C-alpha atoms as a PDB file:
ATOM      1  CA  MET A   1     -12.927  -2.270 -10.178  1.00  0.00           C
ATOM      2  CA  ALA A   2     -10.221  -4.288 -13.204  1.00  0.00           C
ATOM      3  CA  LEU A   3     -10.052  -7.265 -10.928  1.00  0.00           C
ATOM      4  CA  ALA A   4     -13.678  -7.811 -10.588  1.00  0.00           C
ATOM      5  CA  PHE A   5     -14.472  -7.510 -13.792  1.00  0.00           C
ATOM      6  CA  ARG A   6     -11.497 -10.201 -14.923  1.00  0.00           C
ATOM      7  CA  ILE A   7     -12.106 -12.334 -12.389  1.00  0.00           C
ATOM      8  CA  VAL A   8     -16.361 -11.907 -13.569  1.00  0.00           C
ATOM      9  CA  SER A   9     -15.739 -12.001 -16.790  1.00  0.00           C
ATOM     10  CA  LYS A  10     -13.924 -15.288 -16.958  1.00  0.00           C
ATOM     11  CA  VAL A  11     -15.952 -17.120 -14.533  1.00  0.00           C
ATOM     12  CA  GLY A  12     -19.080 -16.160 -15.291  1.00  0.00           C
ATOM     13  CA  ARG A  13     -20.783 -17.225 -19.235  1.00  0.00           C
ATOM     14  CA  GLU A  14     -21.626 -13.332 -19.854  1.00  0.00           C
ATOM     15  CA  ARG A  15     -20.000 -11.406 -22.469  1.00  0.00           C
ATOM     16  CA  PRO A  16     -17.831  -8.984 -21.052  1.00  0.00           C
ATOM     17  CA  TRP A  17     -19.808  -6.007 -22.354  1.00  0.00           C
ATOM     18  CA  THR A  18     -22.657  -7.013 -19.767  1.00  0.00           C
ATOM     19  CA  THR A  19     -19.923  -7.574 -17.245  1.00  0.00           C
ATOM     20  CA  PHE A  20     -18.678  -4.750 -17.491  1.00  0.00           C
ATOM     21  CA  LEU A  21     -22.476  -2.618 -17.346  1.00  0.00           C
ATOM     22  CA  PHE A  22     -23.009  -4.757 -14.680  1.00  0.00           C
ATOM     23  CA  LEU A  23     -20.028  -3.768 -12.557  1.00  0.00           C
ATOM     24  CA  SER A  24     -20.708  -0.330 -13.622  1.00  0.00           C
ATOM     25  CA  PHE A  25     -23.998   0.243 -12.681  1.00  0.00           C
ATOM     26  CA  ALA A  26     -22.693  -1.082  -8.932  1.00  0.00           C
ATOM     27  CA  THR A  27     -19.970   1.015  -8.731  1.00  0.00           C
ATOM     28  CA  ILE A  28     -22.303   4.309  -9.617  1.00  0.00           C
ATOM     29  CA  SER A  29     -24.879   2.926  -7.532  1.00  0.00           C
ATOM     30  CA  HIS A  30     -22.857   2.585  -4.568  1.00  0.00           C
ATOM     31  CA  GLY A  31     -22.765   7.031  -4.449  1.00  0.00           C
ATOM     32  CA  LEU A  32     -25.954   7.610  -5.185  1.00  0.00           C
ATOM     33  CA  LEU A  33     -27.456   5.357  -2.415  1.00  0.00           C
ATOM     34  CA  ASP A  34     -24.432   6.955   0.126  1.00  0.00           C
ATOM     35  CA  ALA A  35     -26.170  10.151  -0.866  1.00  0.00           C
ATOM     36  CA  LEU A  36     -29.804   8.900   0.126  1.00  0.00           C
ATOM     37  CA  THR A  37     -28.335   8.828   3.625  1.00  0.00           C
ATOM     38  CA  ASN A  38     -28.836  11.105   6.624  1.00  0.00           C
ATOM     39  CA  GLY A  39     -25.400  10.657   8.393  1.00  0.00           C
ATOM     40  CA  GLY A  40     -21.544  11.215   7.613  1.00  0.00           C
ATOM     41  CA  LEU A  41     -19.779  13.880   5.434  1.00  0.00           C
ATOM     42  CA  GLY A  42     -21.703  13.408   2.264  1.00  0.00           C
ATOM     43  CA  VAL A  43     -20.594  11.834  -0.945  1.00  0.00           C
ATOM     44  CA  GLY A  44     -17.681  13.329  -3.454  1.00  0.00           C
ATOM     45  CA  PHE A  45     -19.159  13.257  -6.767  1.00  0.00           C
ATOM     46  CA  PHE A  46     -16.510  14.785  -8.068  1.00  0.00           C
ATOM     47  CA  ALA A  47     -13.299  14.426  -6.338  1.00  0.00           C
ATOM     48  CA  PRO A  48     -10.680  14.795  -6.683  1.00  0.00           C
ATOM     49  CA  PHE A  49     -11.741  17.828  -8.950  1.00  0.00           C
ATOM     50  CA  SER A  50     -13.401  18.978  -6.448  1.00  0.00           C
ATOM     51  CA  GLY A  51     -13.316  18.407  -2.324  1.00  0.00           C
ATOM     52  CA  ARG A  52     -17.639  19.383  -1.580  1.00  0.00           C
ATOM     53  CA  ARG A  53     -19.344  16.764  -0.583  1.00  0.00           C
ATOM     54  CA  TYR A  54     -23.168  15.790  -1.384  1.00  0.00           C
ATOM     55  CA  PHE A  55     -26.407  14.696  -0.221  1.00  0.00           C
ATOM     56  CA  PHE A  56     -29.961  14.083  -1.911  1.00  0.00           C
ATOM     57  CA  PRO A  57     -32.479  15.979  -0.405  1.00  0.00           C
ATOM     58  CA  ALA A  58     -34.461  12.742   0.497  1.00  0.00           C
ATOM     59  CA  ASP A  59     -32.759  10.569   3.343  1.00  0.00           C
ATOM     60  CA  TRP A  60     -34.416   7.747   3.386  1.00  0.00           C
ATOM     61  CA  ILE A  61     -31.742   5.342   4.784  1.00  0.00           C
ATOM     62  CA  GLU A  62     -30.500   5.174   7.867  1.00  0.00           C
ATOM     63  CA  VAL A  63     -26.332   5.802   8.276  1.00  0.00           C
ATOM     64  CA  SER A  64     -24.825   2.440  10.047  1.00  0.00           C
ATOM     65  CA  PRO A  65     -23.255   2.735  13.058  1.00  0.00           C
ATOM     66  CA  ILE A  66     -19.624   1.077  12.708  1.00  0.00           C
ATOM     67  CA  GLY A  67     -18.564  -1.262  14.797  1.00  0.00           C
ATOM     68  CA  ALA A  68     -19.968  -3.872  17.491  1.00  0.00           C
ATOM     69  CA  SER A  69     -22.630  -1.028  17.801  1.00  0.00           C
ATOM     70  CA  PHE A  70     -24.376  -1.764  14.378  1.00  0.00           C
ATOM     71  CA  PHE A  71     -25.541  -5.334  16.535  1.00  0.00           C
ATOM     72  CA  SER A  72     -27.947  -3.096  18.611  1.00  0.00           C
ATOM     73  CA  ALA A  73     -31.637  -1.386  18.153  1.00  0.00           C
ATOM     74  CA  ARG A  74     -30.285   1.518  16.332  1.00  0.00           C
ATOM     75  CA  GLY A  75     -28.659  -1.808  14.201  1.00  0.00           C
ATOM     76  CA  LEU A  76     -31.534  -3.061  13.116  1.00  0.00           C
ATOM     77  CA  VAL A  77     -33.651   0.495  12.747  1.00  0.00           C
ATOM     78  CA  VAL A  78     -30.654   0.848   9.920  1.00  0.00           C
ATOM     79  CA  LEU A  79     -31.511  -2.567   8.529  1.00  0.00           C
ATOM     80  CA  LYS A  80     -35.014  -2.014   7.985  1.00  0.00           C
ATOM     81  CA  SER A  81     -34.700   1.516   6.197  1.00  0.00           C
ATOM     82  CA  GLU A  82     -32.022  -0.651   3.860  1.00  0.00           C
ATOM     83  CA  LEU A  83     -34.678  -3.143   3.481  1.00  0.00           C
ATOM     84  CA  LEU A  84     -37.669  -0.503   2.482  1.00  0.00           C
ATOM     85  CA  ALA A  85     -35.267   1.597   0.442  1.00  0.00           C
ATOM     86  CA  VAL A  86     -32.766  -0.432  -1.422  1.00  0.00           C
ATOM     87  CA  TRP A  87     -33.407  -4.625  -1.022  1.00  0.00           C
ATOM     88  CA  LEU A  88     -37.095  -4.494  -1.464  1.00  0.00           C
ATOM     89  CA  PRO A  89     -37.352  -2.382  -4.743  1.00  0.00           C
ATOM     90  CA  CYS A  90     -34.184  -4.419  -5.924  1.00  0.00           C
ATOM     91  CA  ALA A  91     -36.111  -7.345  -5.287  1.00  0.00           C
ATOM     92  CA  LEU A  92     -38.890  -6.179  -7.346  1.00  0.00           C
ATOM     93  CA  VAL A  93     -36.861  -5.367 -10.362  1.00  0.00           C
ATOM     94  CA  ALA A  94     -34.853  -8.583 -10.731  1.00  0.00           C
ATOM     95  CA  VAL A  95     -38.401 -10.800 -10.058  1.00  0.00           C
ATOM     96  CA  LEU A  96     -39.412  -8.178 -13.019  1.00  0.00           C
ATOM     97  CA  GLY A  97     -36.386  -8.701 -15.095  1.00  0.00           C
ATOM     98  CA  PHE A  98     -37.101 -12.461 -14.637  1.00  0.00           C
ATOM     99  CA  ALA A  99     -40.820 -13.076 -15.137  1.00  0.00           C
ATOM    100  CA  LEU A 100     -39.863 -10.873 -18.063  1.00  0.00           C
ATOM    101  CA  ARG A 101     -37.284 -13.442 -19.779  1.00  0.00           C
ATOM    102  CA  LEU A 102     -39.133 -15.842 -18.844  1.00  0.00           C
ATOM    103  CA  GLN A 103     -42.041 -14.472 -20.820  1.00  0.00           C
ATOM    104  CA  ALA A 104     -39.330 -14.116 -23.738  1.00  0.00           C
ATOM    105  CA  ARG A 105     -38.473 -17.496 -24.067  1.00  0.00           C
ATOM    106  CA  SER A 106     -42.326 -18.832 -24.244  1.00  0.00           C
ATOM    107  CA  VAL A 107     -42.780 -16.825 -26.833  1.00  0.00           C
ATOM    108  CA  ARG A 108     -39.495 -17.154 -29.001  1.00  0.00           C
ATOM    109  CA  ILE A 109     -40.918 -19.076 -32.185  1.00  0.00           C
ATOM    110  CA  PRO A 110     -38.645 -22.441 -33.031  1.00  0.00           C
ATOM    111  CA  GLU A 111     -35.986 -21.777 -36.302  1.00  0.00           C
ATOM    112  CA  GLU A 112     -36.974 -24.065 -38.476  1.00  0.00           C
END
């Protein structure tokens, strides 16, 4: 995580806090999305302090087959569930954010 932070903050033009928040969100969301799947052992949210594993009551995301079986009819079902439960909402948020940034730029009053 620290290496990713270092690389992204040096390559991009973003401030370090922006990079830190982005990478933190990505890390946290990964566990939350894993808890929305319908398979596996669950998510160890409190590891190493507790060995208990958790799932959320909603299991919107199909668990992905591992290996070559991913490229099968089952893999297509998984891709469809991920598109609907993960990628479509993320795309909508991204488009909304982009539109808001464009609107904020056009409303900005130039300084004299």
